[in-house]
Amino acid sequence: MEITFYLSAAIAIAATLMVITVSNATHALLYLIVSLLAVAIVFFVLGAPFAAALEIIIYAGAIMVLFVFVMMMLNLGKAAAAREQGWLNPGIWTGPGVLAALLLAELAYIFAQGGDTPWGTAAVTAKEVGIALFGPYLLGVELASLLLLAGLVGACHLGWNQAGIETGHEEERGHENG
């Protein structure tokens, strides 16, 4: 099991480096999905199957679908459609495909070994995570929630100001013409 940890960590690092260095946004998304799956396997190997499941469901599933949807919405026009046809080249999928195949082989190895947690550790349950987060780490959780709330308020403020500026000009034009 120790080798699966190190191999998954190496795949996560390699895929994350490719996310940062690749120039095409679609390729970066593919590498990011591989990186998130590798981190999920790291969580599973360390005895946190709940965290691994959340990593796959929330990050690799829902958030990546949102990113792919945004990418699809940004690539409008005939030139973008021609460029997308070039992305379907099988050579583009080689890097993420190899890394994903390594992760699949690791997962098969883990399940062949019985799926036990390595190094004699016990699995961490959702209840234990909740007790730890709202016990000794309560202050950190509350500070993180305040930071997220401040970001939400800032984003709403910026969005409303832009909308107010645009609608304010339209209203002035309407009064001048009417």
Protein backbone atom coordinates (compact mmCIF):
# COMPACT_ATOMS: atom_id res chain seq x y z
CA MET A 1 0.00 0.00 0.00
CA GLU A 2 2.91 2.35 0.57
CA ILE A 3 3.86 2.20 -3.10
CA THR A 4 0.34 3.20 -4.13
CA PHE A 5 0.61 6.27 -1.90
CA TYR A 6 3.87 7.39 -3.47
CA LEU A 7 2.75 6.59 -7.01
CA SER A 8 -0.53 8.48 -6.53
CA ALA A 9 1.32 11.42 -5.03
CA ALA A 10 3.75 11.46 -7.97
CA ILE A 11 0.86 11.35 -10.45
CA ALA A 12 -0.89 14.18 -8.59
CA ILE A 13 2.25 16.31 -8.69
CA ALA A 14 2.92 15.56 -12.36
CA ALA A 15 -0.68 16.25 -13.38
CA THR A 16 -0.75 19.47 -11.35
CA LEU A 17 2.45 20.66 -12.99
CA MET A 18 0.89 19.96 -16.37
CA VAL A 19 -2.19 21.99 -15.34
CA ILE A 20 0.07 24.95 -14.65
CA THR A 21 2.36 24.64 -17.66
CA VAL A 22 0.07 23.53 -20.51
CA SER A 23 -1.11 26.37 -22.72
CA ASN A 24 -4.47 24.92 -23.79
CA ALA A 25 -7.26 25.35 -21.23
CA THR A 26 -9.02 22.13 -22.24
CA HIS A 27 -5.86 20.10 -21.72
CA ALA A 28 -5.39 21.79 -18.36
CA LEU A 29 -8.89 20.69 -17.35
CA LEU A 30 -8.10 17.10 -18.29
CA TYR A 31 -4.93 17.15 -16.23
CA LEU A 32 -6.79 18.76 -13.33
CA ILE A 33 -9.31 15.91 -13.33
CA VAL A 34 -6.45 13.40 -13.22
CA SER A 35 -4.83 15.35 -10.38
CA LEU A 36 -8.05 15.36 -8.37
CA LEU A 37 -8.51 11.62 -8.89
CA ALA A 38 -4.93 11.01 -7.73
CA VAL A 39 -5.53 13.04 -4.58
CA ALA A 40 -8.67 10.98 -3.94
CA ILE A 41 -6.60 7.80 -4.10
CA VAL A 42 -4.08 9.35 -1.69
CA PHE A 43 -6.95 10.04 0.74
CA PHE A 44 -8.22 6.48 0.35
CA VAL A 45 -4.81 4.95 0.94
CA LEU A 46 -4.33 7.09 4.06
CA GLY A 47 -7.54 5.70 5.53
CA ALA A 48 -10.01 8.46 4.70
CA PRO A 49 -12.50 6.92 2.28
CA PHE A 50 -15.07 9.60 3.10
CA ALA A 51 -12.67 12.36 2.05
CA ALA A 52 -11.79 10.37 -1.09
CA ALA A 53 -15.46 10.03 -2.01
CA LEU A 54 -16.05 13.74 -1.44
CA GLU A 55 -13.00 14.56 -3.56
CA ILE A 56 -14.41 12.56 -6.46
CA ILE A 57 -18.05 13.61 -6.12
CA ILE A 58 -17.59 17.30 -5.40
CA TYR A 59 -14.34 18.28 -7.10
CA ALA A 60 -13.76 15.80 -9.91
CA GLY A 61 -17.49 15.55 -10.56
CA ALA A 62 -19.52 18.68 -9.98
CA ILE A 63 -16.92 21.44 -10.15
CA MET A 64 -15.15 20.03 -13.19
CA VAL A 65 -18.49 19.71 -15.00
CA LEU A 66 -19.00 23.41 -14.28
CA PHE A 67 -15.52 24.23 -15.64
CA VAL A 68 -16.13 22.18 -18.79
CA PHE A 69 -19.50 23.90 -19.27
CA VAL A 70 -17.86 27.32 -18.99
CA MET A 71 -15.17 26.28 -21.48
CA MET A 72 -17.87 25.16 -23.89
CA MET A 73 -19.69 28.47 -23.53
CA LEU A 74 -16.54 30.51 -24.12
CA ASN A 75 -15.62 28.75 -27.38
CA LEU A 76 -18.26 30.12 -29.70
CA GLY A 77 -17.96 30.58 -33.46
CA LYS A 78 -16.75 28.68 -36.50
CA ALA A 79 -13.06 29.23 -35.73
CA ALA A 80 -13.54 27.73 -32.28
CA ALA A 81 -15.39 24.74 -33.77
CA ALA A 82 -12.48 24.10 -36.17
CA ARG A 83 -10.03 24.38 -33.28
CA GLU A 84 -12.10 21.89 -31.25
CA GLN A 85 -11.88 19.38 -34.10
CA GLY A 86 -8.09 19.55 -33.73
CA TRP A 87 -8.46 18.75 -30.02
CA LEU A 88 -10.01 15.40 -30.87
CA ASN A 89 -6.60 14.21 -32.05
CA PRO A 90 -5.81 10.97 -30.14
CA GLY A 91 -2.30 12.22 -29.31
CA ILE A 92 -3.76 14.89 -27.06
CA TRP A 93 -5.30 12.29 -24.77
CA THR A 94 -2.05 10.35 -24.30
CA GLY A 95 -0.77 12.16 -21.20
CA PRO A 96 -4.01 12.20 -19.19
CA GLY A 97 -4.82 8.69 -20.43
CA VAL A 98 -1.52 7.23 -19.21
CA LEU A 99 -1.83 8.92 -15.82
CA ALA A 100 -5.45 7.80 -15.47
CA ALA A 101 -4.49 4.23 -16.42
CA LEU A 102 -1.83 4.26 -13.69
CA LEU A 103 -4.44 5.43 -11.19
CA LEU A 104 -6.82 2.68 -12.32
CA ALA A 105 -4.07 0.08 -11.90
CA GLU A 106 -3.38 1.41 -8.40
CA LEU A 107 -7.04 1.20 -7.50
CA ALA A 108 -7.20 -2.38 -8.76
CA TYR A 109 -4.11 -3.19 -6.67
CA ILE A 110 -5.70 -1.65 -3.56
CA PHE A 111 -8.88 -3.66 -3.99
CA ALA A 112 -6.89 -6.83 -4.72
CA GLN A 113 -5.12 -6.37 -1.38
CA GLY A 114 -8.49 -6.27 0.36
CA GLY A 115 -8.88 -2.51 0.53
CA ASP A 116 -7.51 -2.36 4.06
CA THR A 117 -6.00 0.84 5.33
CA PRO A 118 -2.19 0.86 5.30
CA TRP A 119 0.20 0.98 8.21
CA GLY A 120 -2.36 -0.33 10.69
CA THR A 121 -4.43 2.86 10.76
CA ALA A 122 -8.19 2.89 11.17
CA ALA A 123 -10.55 4.45 8.68
CA VAL A 124 -11.75 7.95 9.50
CA THR A 125 -15.54 8.23 9.55
CA ALA A 126 -17.65 11.27 8.72
CA LYS A 127 -18.57 11.65 12.40
CA GLU A 128 -14.89 11.79 13.40
CA VAL A 129 -14.24 14.45 10.74
CA GLY A 130 -17.13 16.54 12.05
CA ILE A 131 -15.99 16.20 15.67
CA ALA A 132 -12.45 17.20 14.72
CA LEU A 133 -13.58 20.18 12.63
CA PHE A 134 -15.96 21.54 15.23
CA GLY A 135 -13.82 20.59 18.21
CA PRO A 136 -10.19 21.68 18.32
CA TYR A 137 -10.31 23.28 14.86
CA LEU A 138 -13.49 25.31 15.43
CA LEU A 139 -11.67 28.64 15.22
CA GLY A 140 -10.05 27.71 11.88
CA VAL A 141 -13.39 26.56 10.43
CA GLU A 142 -15.08 29.78 11.54
CA LEU A 143 -12.27 31.93 10.10
CA ALA A 144 -12.49 30.06 6.79
CA SER A 145 -16.26 30.59 6.71
CA LEU A 146 -15.80 34.32 7.38
CA LEU A 147 -13.23 34.51 4.58
CA LEU A 148 -15.62 32.81 2.18
CA LEU A 149 -18.44 35.11 3.29
CA ALA A 150 -16.22 38.17 2.70
CA GLY A 151 -15.39 36.88 -0.80
CA LEU A 152 -19.09 36.34 -1.52
CA VAL A 153 -19.99 39.85 -0.34
CA GLY A 154 -17.15 41.32 -2.43
CA ALA A 155 -18.22 39.42 -5.54
CA CYS A 156 -21.84 40.52 -5.08
CA HIS A 157 -20.73 44.11 -4.57
CA LEU A 158 -18.63 44.10 -7.73
CA GLY A 159 -21.38 42.42 -9.73
CA TRP A 160 -24.07 44.80 -8.56
CA ASN A 161 -21.92 47.85 -9.23
CA GLN A 162 -21.26 46.71 -12.80
CA ALA A 163 -24.94 45.96 -13.35
CA GLY A 164 -25.93 49.29 -11.82
CA ILE A 165 -23.51 51.20 -14.06
CA GLU A 166 -24.80 49.46 -17.18
CA THR A 167 -28.49 49.87 -16.32
CA GLY A 168 -27.94 53.43 -15.12
CA HIS A 169 -26.63 54.47 -18.52
CA GLU A 170 -29.48 52.73 -20.30
CA GLU A 171 -32.05 54.50 -18.12
CA GLU A 172 -30.43 57.91 -18.82
CA ARG A 173 -30.56 57.23 -22.56
CA GLY A 174 -34.20 56.21 -22.29
CA HIS A 175 -35.15 59.45 -20.52
CA GLU A 176 -33.28 61.57 -23.08
CA ASN A 177 -35.03 59.90 -26.00
CA GLY A 178 -38.49 59.90 -24.41
